[in-house]
PDB file of N, CA and C in Angstrom:
ATOM      1  N   UNK A   1    -216.995 -92.161 -43.001  1.00  0.00           N
ATOM      2  CA  UNK A   1    -216.890 -92.033 -41.559  1.00  0.00           C
ATOM      3  C   UNK A   1    -215.426 -92.040 -41.121  1.00  0.00           C
ATOM      4  N   UNK A   2    -214.611 -92.875 -41.707  1.00  0.00           N
ATOM      5  CA  UNK A   2    -213.195 -92.924 -41.337  1.00  0.00           C
ATOM      6  C   UNK A   2    -212.477 -91.622 -41.678  1.00  0.00           C
ATOM      7  N   UNK A   3    -212.887 -90.985 -42.769  1.00  0.00           N
ATOM      8  CA  UNK A   3    -212.299 -89.714 -43.162  1.00  0.00           C
ATOM      9  C   UNK A   3    -212.621 -88.639 -42.114  1.00  0.00           C
ATOM     10  N   UNK A   4    -213.842 -88.666 -41.615  1.00  0.00           N
ATOM     11  CA  UNK A   4    -214.257 -87.733 -40.569  1.00  0.00           C
ATOM     12  C   UNK A   4    -213.397 -87.918 -39.321  1.00  0.00           C
ATOM     13  N   UNK A   5    -213.159 -89.147 -38.928  1.00  0.00           N
ATOM     14  CA  UNK A   5    -212.347 -89.426 -37.740  1.00  0.00           C
ATOM     15  C   UNK A   5    -210.922 -88.936 -37.942  1.00  0.00           C
ATOM     16  N   UNK A   6    -210.404 -89.095 -39.144  1.00  0.00           N
ATOM     17  CA  UNK A   6    -209.048 -88.644 -39.451  1.00  0.00           C
ATOM     18  C   UNK A   6    -208.954 -87.122 -39.313  1.00  0.00           C
ATOM     19  N   UNK A   7    -209.916 -86.405 -39.883  1.00  0.00           N
ATOM     20  CA  UNK A   7    -209.910 -84.948 -39.770  1.00  0.00           C
ATOM     21  C   UNK A   7    -210.080 -84.495 -38.325  1.00  0.00           C
ATOM     22  N   UNK A   8    -210.914 -85.175 -37.591  1.00  0.00           N
ATOM     23  CA  UNK A   8    -211.117 -84.850 -36.181  1.00  0.00           C
ATOM     24  C   UNK A   8    -209.821 -85.043 -35.394  1.00  0.00           C
ATOM     25  N   UNK A   9    -209.144 -86.139 -35.638  1.00  0.00           N
ATOM     26  CA  UNK A   9    -207.880 -86.419 -34.968  1.00  0.00           C
ATOM     27  C   UNK A   9    -206.834 -85.365 -35.321  1.00  0.00           C
ATOM     28  N   UNK A  10    -206.762 -84.986 -36.589  1.00  0.00           N
ATOM     29  CA  UNK A  10    -205.811 -83.962 -37.011  1.00  0.00           C
ATOM     30  C   UNK A  10    -206.120 -82.619 -36.362  1.00  0.00           C
ATOM     31  N   UNK A  11    -207.402 -82.284 -36.264  1.00  0.00           N
ATOM     32  CA  UNK A  11    -207.801 -81.034 -35.642  1.00  0.00           C
ATOM     33  C   UNK A  11    -207.410 -81.010 -34.166  1.00  0.00           C
ATOM     34  N   UNK A  12    -207.685 -82.072 -33.470  1.00  0.00           N
ATOM     35  CA  UNK A  12    -207.365 -82.153 -32.041  1.00  0.00           C
ATOM     36  C   UNK A  12    -205.856 -82.068 -31.830  1.00  0.00           C
ATOM     37  N   UNK A  13    -205.108 -82.776 -32.642  1.00  0.00           N
ATOM     38  CA  UNK A  13    -203.645 -82.761 -32.538  1.00  0.00           C
ATOM     39  C   UNK A  13    -203.104 -81.364 -32.795  1.00  0.00           C
ATOM     40  N   UNK A  14    -203.613 -80.715 -33.843  1.00  0.00           N
ATOM     41  CA  UNK A  14    -203.151 -79.362 -34.164  1.00  0.00           C
ATOM     42  C   UNK A  14    -203.520 -78.394 -33.058  1.00  0.00           C
ATOM     43  N   UNK A  15    -204.698 -78.511 -32.522  1.00  0.00           N
ATOM     44  CA  UNK A  15    -205.139 -77.621 -31.452  1.00  0.00           C
ATOM     45  C   UNK A  15    -204.272 -77.781 -30.215  1.00  0.00           C
ATOM     46  N   UNK A  16    -203.978 -78.996 -29.836  1.00  0.00           N
ATOM     47  CA  UNK A  16    -203.166 -79.241 -28.646  1.00  0.00           C
ATOM     48  C   UNK A  16    -201.723 -78.815 -28.848  1.00  0.00           C
ATOM     49  N   UNK A  17    -201.205 -78.967 -30.045  1.00  0.00           N
ATOM     50  CA  UNK A  17    -199.806 -78.638 -30.278  1.00  0.00           C
ATOM     51  C   UNK A  17    -199.571 -77.136 -30.365  1.00  0.00           C
ATOM     52  N   UNK A  18    -200.638 -76.339 -30.522  1.00  0.00           N
ATOM     53  CA  UNK A  18    -200.492 -74.901 -30.604  1.00  0.00           C
ATOM     54  C   UNK A  18    -201.061 -74.191 -29.378  1.00  0.00           C
ATOM     55  N   UNK A  19    -201.133 -74.889 -28.280  1.00  0.00           N
ATOM     56  CA  UNK A  19    -201.652 -74.289 -27.054  1.00  0.00           C
ATOM     57  C   UNK A  19    -200.687 -73.211 -26.582  1.00  0.00           C
ATOM     58  N   UNK A  20    -201.236 -72.122 -26.073  1.00  0.00           N
ATOM     59  CA  UNK A  20    -200.366 -71.096 -25.526  1.00  0.00           C
ATOM     60  C   UNK A  20    -200.246 -71.280 -24.016  1.00  0.00           C
ATOM     61  N   UNK A  21    -199.387 -70.494 -23.416  1.00  0.00           N
ATOM     62  CA  UNK A  21    -199.127 -70.654 -21.992  1.00  0.00           C
ATOM     63  C   UNK A  21    -200.351 -70.481 -21.124  1.00  0.00           C
ATOM     64  N   UNK A  22    -201.200 -69.531 -21.499  1.00  0.00           N
ATOM     65  CA  UNK A  22    -202.402 -69.279 -20.701  1.00  0.00           C
ATOM     66  C   UNK A  22    -203.333 -70.492 -20.739  1.00  0.00           C
ATOM     67  N   UNK A  23    -203.501 -71.078 -21.927  1.00  0.00           N
ATOM     68  CA  UNK A  23    -204.347 -72.268 -22.062  1.00  0.00           C
ATOM     69  C   UNK A  23    -203.772 -73.448 -21.282  1.00  0.00           C
ATOM     70  N   UNK A  24    -202.460 -73.598 -21.350  1.00  0.00           N
ATOM     71  CA  UNK A  24    -201.816 -74.696 -20.627  1.00  0.00           C
ATOM     72  C   UNK A  24    -201.987 -74.515 -19.116  1.00  0.00           C
ATOM     73  N   UNK A  25    -201.765 -73.303 -18.645  1.00  0.00           N
ATOM     74  CA  UNK A  25    -201.915 -73.031 -17.211  1.00  0.00           C
ATOM     75  C   UNK A  25    -203.351 -73.291 -16.770  1.00  0.00           C
ATOM     76  N   UNK A  26    -204.286 -72.852 -17.572  1.00  0.00           N
ATOM     77  CA  UNK A  26    -205.697 -73.044 -17.232  1.00  0.00           C
ATOM     78  C   UNK A  26    -206.040 -74.529 -17.202  1.00  0.00           C
ATOM     79  N   UNK A  27    -205.537 -75.294 -18.154  1.00  0.00           N
ATOM     80  CA  UNK A  27    -205.852 -76.724 -18.196  1.00  0.00           C
ATOM     81  C   UNK A  27    -205.283 -77.471 -16.992  1.00  0.00           C
ATOM     82  N   UNK A  28    -204.212 -76.935 -16.412  1.00  0.00           N
ATOM     83  CA  UNK A  28    -203.590 -77.554 -15.238  1.00  0.00           C
ATOM     84  C   UNK A  28    -204.030 -76.863 -13.936  1.00  0.00           C
ATOM     85  N   UNK A  29    -204.933 -75.924 -14.045  1.00  0.00           N
ATOM     86  CA  UNK A  29    -205.421 -75.153 -12.892  1.00  0.00           C
ATOM     87  C   UNK A  29    -204.284 -74.450 -12.149  1.00  0.00           C
ATOM     88  N   UNK A  30    -203.369 -73.846 -12.910  1.00  0.00           N
ATOM     89  CA  UNK A  30    -202.248 -73.118 -12.328  1.00  0.00           C
ATOM     90  C   UNK A  30    -202.508 -71.626 -12.427  1.00  0.00           C
ATOM     91  N   UNK A  31    -202.362 -70.923 -11.328  1.00  0.00           N
ATOM     92  CA  UNK A  31    -202.519 -69.475 -11.287  1.00  0.00           C
ATOM     93  C   UNK A  31    -201.125 -68.862 -11.244  1.00  0.00           C
ATOM     94  N   UNK A  32    -200.713 -68.173 -12.306  1.00  0.00           N
ATOM     95  CA  UNK A  32    -199.353 -67.627 -12.347  1.00  0.00           C
ATOM     96  C   UNK A  32    -199.038 -66.697 -11.183  1.00  0.00           C
ATOM     97  N   UNK A  33    -200.015 -65.919 -10.749  1.00  0.00           N
ATOM     98  CA  UNK A  33    -199.750 -64.947  -9.697  1.00  0.00           C
ATOM     99  C   UNK A  33    -199.759 -65.556  -8.294  1.00  0.00           C
ATOM    100  N   UNK A  34    -199.915 -66.865  -8.219  1.00  0.00           N
ATOM    101  CA  UNK A  34    -199.890 -67.513  -6.907  1.00  0.00           C
ATOM    102  C   UNK A  34    -198.468 -67.739  -6.398  1.00  0.00           C
ATOM    103  N   UNK A  35    -197.483 -67.521  -7.277  1.00  0.00           N
ATOM    104  CA  UNK A  35    -196.086 -67.729  -6.892  1.00  0.00           C
ATOM    105  C   UNK A  35    -195.215 -66.637  -7.501  1.00  0.00           C
ATOM    106  N   UNK A  36    -194.043 -66.459  -6.923  1.00  0.00           N
ATOM    107  CA  UNK A  36    -193.053 -65.533  -7.467  1.00  0.00           C
ATOM    108  C   UNK A  36    -192.275 -66.235  -8.585  1.00  0.00           C
ATOM    109  N   UNK A  37    -191.560 -65.455  -9.371  1.00  0.00           N
ATOM    110  CA  UNK A  37    -190.799 -66.002 -10.501  1.00  0.00           C
ATOM    111  C   UNK A  37    -189.855 -67.111 -10.040  1.00  0.00           C
ATOM    112  N   UNK A  38    -189.093 -66.864  -8.985  1.00  0.00           N
ATOM    113  CA  UNK A  38    -188.131 -67.859  -8.480  1.00  0.00           C
ATOM    114  C   UNK A  38    -188.828 -69.152  -8.066  1.00  0.00           C
ATOM    115  N   UNK A  39    -190.022 -69.040  -7.505  1.00  0.00           N
ATOM    116  CA  UNK A  39    -190.758 -70.237  -7.097  1.00  0.00           C
ATOM    117  C   UNK A  39    -191.146 -71.068  -8.324  1.00  0.00           C
ATOM    118  N   UNK A  40    -191.611 -70.409  -9.383  1.00  0.00           N
ATOM    119  CA  UNK A  40    -191.948 -71.139 -10.605  1.00  0.00           C
ATOM    120  C   UNK A  40    -190.704 -71.796 -11.193  1.00  0.00           C
ATOM    121  N   UNK A  41    -189.577 -71.091 -11.175  1.00  0.00           N
ATOM    122  CA  UNK A  41    -188.338 -71.657 -11.707  1.00  0.00           C
ATOM    123  C   UNK A  41    -187.936 -72.906 -10.935  1.00  0.00           C
ATOM    124  N   UNK A  42    -188.083 -72.881  -9.623  1.00  0.00           N
ATOM    125  CA  UNK A  42    -187.730 -74.052  -8.802  1.00  0.00           C
ATOM    126  C   UNK A  42    -188.643 -75.237  -9.114  1.00  0.00           C
ATOM    127  N   UNK A  43    -189.895 -74.965  -9.387  1.00  0.00           N
ATOM    128  CA  UNK A  43    -190.822 -76.043  -9.746  1.00  0.00           C
ATOM    129  C   UNK A  43    -190.351 -76.731 -11.019  1.00  0.00           C
ATOM    130  N   UNK A  44    -189.921 -75.934 -12.009  1.00  0.00           N
ATOM    131  CA  UNK A  44    -189.485 -76.509 -13.277  1.00  0.00           C
ATOM    132  C   UNK A  44    -188.116 -77.183 -13.183  1.00  0.00           C
ATOM    133  N   UNK A  45    -187.403 -76.988 -12.099  1.00  0.00           N
ATOM    134  CA  UNK A  45    -186.127 -77.664 -11.871  1.00  0.00           C
ATOM    135  C   UNK A  45    -186.315 -79.019 -11.199  1.00  0.00           C
ATOM    136  N   UNK A  46    -187.509 -79.287 -10.691  1.00  0.00           N
ATOM    137  CA  UNK A  46    -187.767 -80.516  -9.945  1.00  0.00           C
ATOM    138  C   UNK A  46    -188.815 -81.375 -10.660  1.00  0.00           C
ATOM    139  N   UNK A  47    -188.398 -82.557 -11.082  1.00  0.00           N
ATOM    140  CA  UNK A  47    -189.352 -83.450 -11.747  1.00  0.00           C
ATOM    141  C   UNK A  47    -190.464 -83.876 -10.787  1.00  0.00           C
ATOM    142  N   UNK A  48    -190.144 -83.974  -9.508  1.00  0.00           N
ATOM    143  CA  UNK A  48    -191.156 -84.341  -8.514  1.00  0.00           C
ATOM    144  C   UNK A  48    -192.226 -83.251  -8.392  1.00  0.00           C
ATOM    145  N   UNK A  49    -191.786 -81.992  -8.320  1.00  0.00           N
ATOM    146  CA  UNK A  49    -192.736 -80.884  -8.213  1.00  0.00           C
ATOM    147  C   UNK A  49    -193.558 -80.743  -9.491  1.00  0.00           C
ATOM    148  N   UNK A  50    -192.912 -80.932 -10.642  1.00  0.00           N
ATOM    149  CA  UNK A  50    -193.656 -80.871 -11.899  1.00  0.00           C
ATOM    150  C   UNK A  50    -194.686 -81.993 -11.960  1.00  0.00           C
ATOM    151  N   UNK A  51    -194.332 -83.151 -11.455  1.00  0.00           N
ATOM    152  CA  UNK A  51    -195.260 -84.274 -11.438  1.00  0.00           C
ATOM    153  C   UNK A  51    -196.486 -84.009 -10.590  1.00  0.00           C
ATOM    154  N   UNK A  52    -196.292 -83.362  -9.447  1.00  0.00           N
ATOM    155  CA  UNK A  52    -197.422 -83.053  -8.569  1.00  0.00           C
ATOM    156  C   UNK A  52    -198.411 -82.101  -9.225  1.00  0.00           C
ATOM    157  N   UNK A  53    -197.913 -81.277 -10.142  1.00  0.00           N
ATOM    158  CA  UNK A  53    -198.777 -80.292 -10.798  1.00  0.00           C
ATOM    159  C   UNK A  53    -199.257 -80.755 -12.176  1.00  0.00           C
ATOM    160  N   UNK A  54    -198.763 -81.900 -12.630  1.00  0.00           N
ATOM    161  CA  UNK A  54    -199.156 -82.415 -13.938  1.00  0.00           C
ATOM    162  C   UNK A  54    -198.343 -81.865 -15.086  1.00  0.00           C
ATOM    163  N   UNK A  55    -197.353 -81.053 -14.792  1.00  0.00           N
ATOM    164  CA  UNK A  55    -196.522 -80.436 -15.823  1.00  0.00           C
ATOM    165  C   UNK A  55    -195.655 -81.476 -16.527  1.00  0.00           C
ATOM    166  N   UNK A  56    -195.286 -82.527 -15.819  1.00  0.00           N
ATOM    167  CA  UNK A  56    -194.400 -83.555 -16.372  1.00  0.00           C
ATOM    168  C   UNK A  56    -194.993 -84.263 -17.585  1.00  0.00           C
ATOM    169  N   UNK A  57    -196.301 -84.197 -17.762  1.00  0.00           N
ATOM    170  CA  UNK A  57    -196.954 -84.880 -18.875  1.00  0.00           C
ATOM    171  C   UNK A  57    -196.890 -84.079 -20.169  1.00  0.00           C
ATOM    172  N   UNK A  58    -196.444 -82.829 -20.094  1.00  0.00           N
ATOM    173  CA  UNK A  58    -196.376 -81.965 -21.263  1.00  0.00           C
ATOM    174  C   UNK A  58    -195.121 -82.236 -22.084  1.00  0.00           C
ATOM    175  N   UNK A  59    -195.167 -81.866 -23.344  1.00  0.00           N
ATOM    176  CA  UNK A  59    -193.978 -81.973 -24.194  1.00  0.00           C
ATOM    177  C   UNK A  59    -192.961 -80.928 -23.749  1.00  0.00           C
ATOM    178  N   UNK A  60    -191.741 -81.084 -24.181  1.00  0.00           N
ATOM    179  CA  UNK A  60    -190.688 -80.142 -23.807  1.00  0.00           C
ATOM    180  C   UNK A  60    -191.017 -78.729 -24.281  1.00  0.00           C
ATOM    181  N   UNK A  61    -191.557 -78.599 -25.483  1.00  0.00           N
ATOM    182  CA  UNK A  61    -191.887 -77.261 -25.990  1.00  0.00           C
ATOM    183  C   UNK A  61    -193.042 -76.647 -25.208  1.00  0.00           C
ATOM    184  N   UNK A  62    -194.033 -77.459 -24.830  1.00  0.00           N
ATOM    185  CA  UNK A  62    -195.141 -76.944 -24.026  1.00  0.00           C
ATOM    186  C   UNK A  62    -194.668 -76.539 -22.635  1.00  0.00           C
ATOM    187  N   UNK A  63    -193.714 -77.273 -22.085  1.00  0.00           N
ATOM    188  CA  UNK A  63    -193.161 -76.904 -20.779  1.00  0.00           C
ATOM    189  C   UNK A  63    -192.492 -75.534 -20.853  1.00  0.00           C
ATOM    190  N   UNK A  64    -191.747 -75.295 -21.930  1.00  0.00           N
ATOM    191  CA  UNK A  64    -191.076 -74.006 -22.090  1.00  0.00           C
ATOM    192  C   UNK A  64    -192.079 -72.869 -22.221  1.00  0.00           C
ATOM    193  N   UNK A  65    -193.130 -73.092 -23.015  1.00  0.00           N
ATOM    194  CA  UNK A  65    -194.175 -72.077 -23.195  1.00  0.00           C
ATOM    195  C   UNK A  65    -194.865 -71.800 -21.865  1.00  0.00           C
ATOM    196  N   UNK A  66    -195.189 -72.848 -21.135  1.00  0.00           N
ATOM    197  CA  UNK A  66    -195.849 -72.699 -19.840  1.00  0.00           C
ATOM    198  C   UNK A  66    -194.943 -71.983 -18.850  1.00  0.00           C
ATOM    199  N   UNK A  67    -193.683 -72.366 -18.791  1.00  0.00           N
ATOM    200  CA  UNK A  67    -192.730 -71.747 -17.863  1.00  0.00           C
ATOM    201  C   UNK A  67    -192.604 -70.246 -18.142  1.00  0.00           C
ATOM    202  N   UNK A  68    -192.518 -69.882 -19.406  1.00  0.00           N
ATOM    203  CA  UNK A  68    -192.417 -68.465 -19.778  1.00  0.00           C
ATOM    204  C   UNK A  68    -193.684 -67.718 -19.360  1.00  0.00           C
ATOM    205  N   UNK A  69    -194.832 -68.298 -19.626  1.00  0.00           N
ATOM    206  CA  UNK A  69    -196.093 -67.641 -19.252  1.00  0.00           C
ATOM    207  C   UNK A  69    -196.179 -67.456 -17.737  1.00  0.00           C
ATOM    208  N   UNK A  70    -195.869 -68.490 -16.982  1.00  0.00           N
ATOM    209  CA  UNK A  70    -195.959 -68.411 -15.522  1.00  0.00           C
ATOM    210  C   UNK A  70    -194.992 -67.373 -14.968  1.00  0.00           C
ATOM    211  N   UNK A  71    -193.772 -67.326 -15.500  1.00  0.00           N
ATOM    212  CA  UNK A  71    -192.792 -66.341 -15.031  1.00  0.00           C
ATOM    213  C   UNK A  71    -193.199 -64.923 -15.437  1.00  0.00           C
ATOM    214  N   UNK A  72    -193.707 -64.768 -16.661  1.00  0.00           N
ATOM    215  CA  UNK A  72    -194.109 -63.442 -17.145  1.00  0.00           C
ATOM    216  C   UNK A  72    -195.287 -62.871 -16.363  1.00  0.00           C
ATOM    217  N   UNK A  73    -196.095 -63.740 -15.763  1.00  0.00           N
ATOM    218  CA  UNK A  73    -197.291 -63.288 -15.052  1.00  0.00           C
ATOM    219  C   UNK A  73    -197.280 -63.667 -13.572  1.00  0.00           C
ATOM    220  N   UNK A  74    -196.096 -63.951 -13.051  1.00  0.00           N
ATOM    221  CA  UNK A  74    -195.947 -64.290 -11.628  1.00  0.00           C
ATOM    222  C   UNK A  74    -196.268 -63.092 -10.757  1.00  0.00           C
ATOM    223  N   UNK A  75    -196.444 -63.340  -9.470  1.00  0.00           N
ATOM    224  CA  UNK A  75    -196.831 -62.290  -8.525  1.00  0.00           C
ATOM    225  C   UNK A  75    -195.855 -61.117  -8.525  1.00  0.00           C
ATOM    226  N   UNK A  76    -194.560 -61.366  -8.688  1.00  0.00           N
ATOM    227  CA  UNK A  76    -193.566 -60.308  -8.644  1.00  0.00           C
ATOM    228  C   UNK A  76    -193.115 -59.855 -10.031  1.00  0.00           C
ATOM    229  N   UNK A  77    -193.858 -60.209 -11.083  1.00  0.00           N
ATOM    230  CA  UNK A  77    -193.507 -59.805 -12.434  1.00  0.00           C
ATOM    231  C   UNK A  77    -194.033 -58.406 -12.734  1.00  0.00           C
ATOM    232  N   UNK A  78    -193.646 -57.879 -13.886  1.00  0.00           N
ATOM    233  CA  UNK A  78    -194.133 -56.554 -14.302  1.00  0.00           C
ATOM    234  C   UNK A  78    -195.616 -56.587 -14.695  1.00  0.00           C
ATOM    235  N   UNK A  79    -196.100 -57.773 -15.077  1.00  0.00           N
ATOM    236  CA  UNK A  79    -197.497 -57.936 -15.517  1.00  0.00           C
ATOM    237  C   UNK A  79    -198.132 -59.139 -14.847  1.00  0.00           C
ATOM    238  N   UNK A  80    -198.347 -59.076 -13.524  1.00  0.00           N
ATOM    239  CA  UNK A  80    -198.948 -60.223 -12.846  1.00  0.00           C
ATOM    240  C   UNK A  80    -200.363 -60.498 -13.356  1.00  0.00           C
ATOM    241  N   UNK A  81    -200.709 -61.762 -13.378  1.00  0.00           N
ATOM    242  CA  UNK A  81    -202.059 -62.146 -13.810  1.00  0.00           C
ATOM    243  C   UNK A  81    -203.064 -61.687 -12.764  1.00  0.00           C
ATOM    244  N   UNK A  82    -204.158 -61.124 -13.238  1.00  0.00           N
ATOM    245  CA  UNK A  82    -205.219 -60.716 -12.311  1.00  0.00           C
ATOM    246  C   UNK A  82    -206.228 -61.838 -12.192  1.00  0.00           C
ATOM    247  N   UNK A  83    -206.765 -62.028 -11.028  1.00  0.00           N
ATOM    248  CA  UNK A  83    -207.753 -63.085 -10.801  1.00  0.00           C
ATOM    249  C   UNK A  83    -208.967 -62.874 -11.686  1.00  0.00           C
ATOM    250  N   UNK A  84    -209.419 -63.952 -12.303  1.00  0.00           N
ATOM    251  CA  UNK A  84    -210.622 -63.901 -13.118  1.00  0.00           C
ATOM    252  C   UNK A  84    -210.419 -63.449 -14.539  1.00  0.00           C
ATOM    253  N   UNK A  85    -209.181 -63.159 -14.931  1.00  0.00           N
ATOM    254  CA  UNK A  85    -208.928 -62.704 -16.312  1.00  0.00           C
ATOM    255  C   UNK A  85    -208.223 -63.776 -17.090  1.00  0.00           C
TER     256      UNK A  85
END
């Protein structure tokens, strides 16, 4: 039983550490196309704003992945996220 728990813990850790930007945004209920690129950048410059959205709880690498995803799919980007996709 302890071996099972160890494998389960390793699986969960590996899954969370390899989350992509879309998964991170979805888990935080963030819609990339709800803001322009500059607005997302300002959010990531403010620890208070990141805290309100739950971004502050992420690791530094996850924050970078999330920031890139949000900027790449922002309302004024070349590939804005479409609702429901």
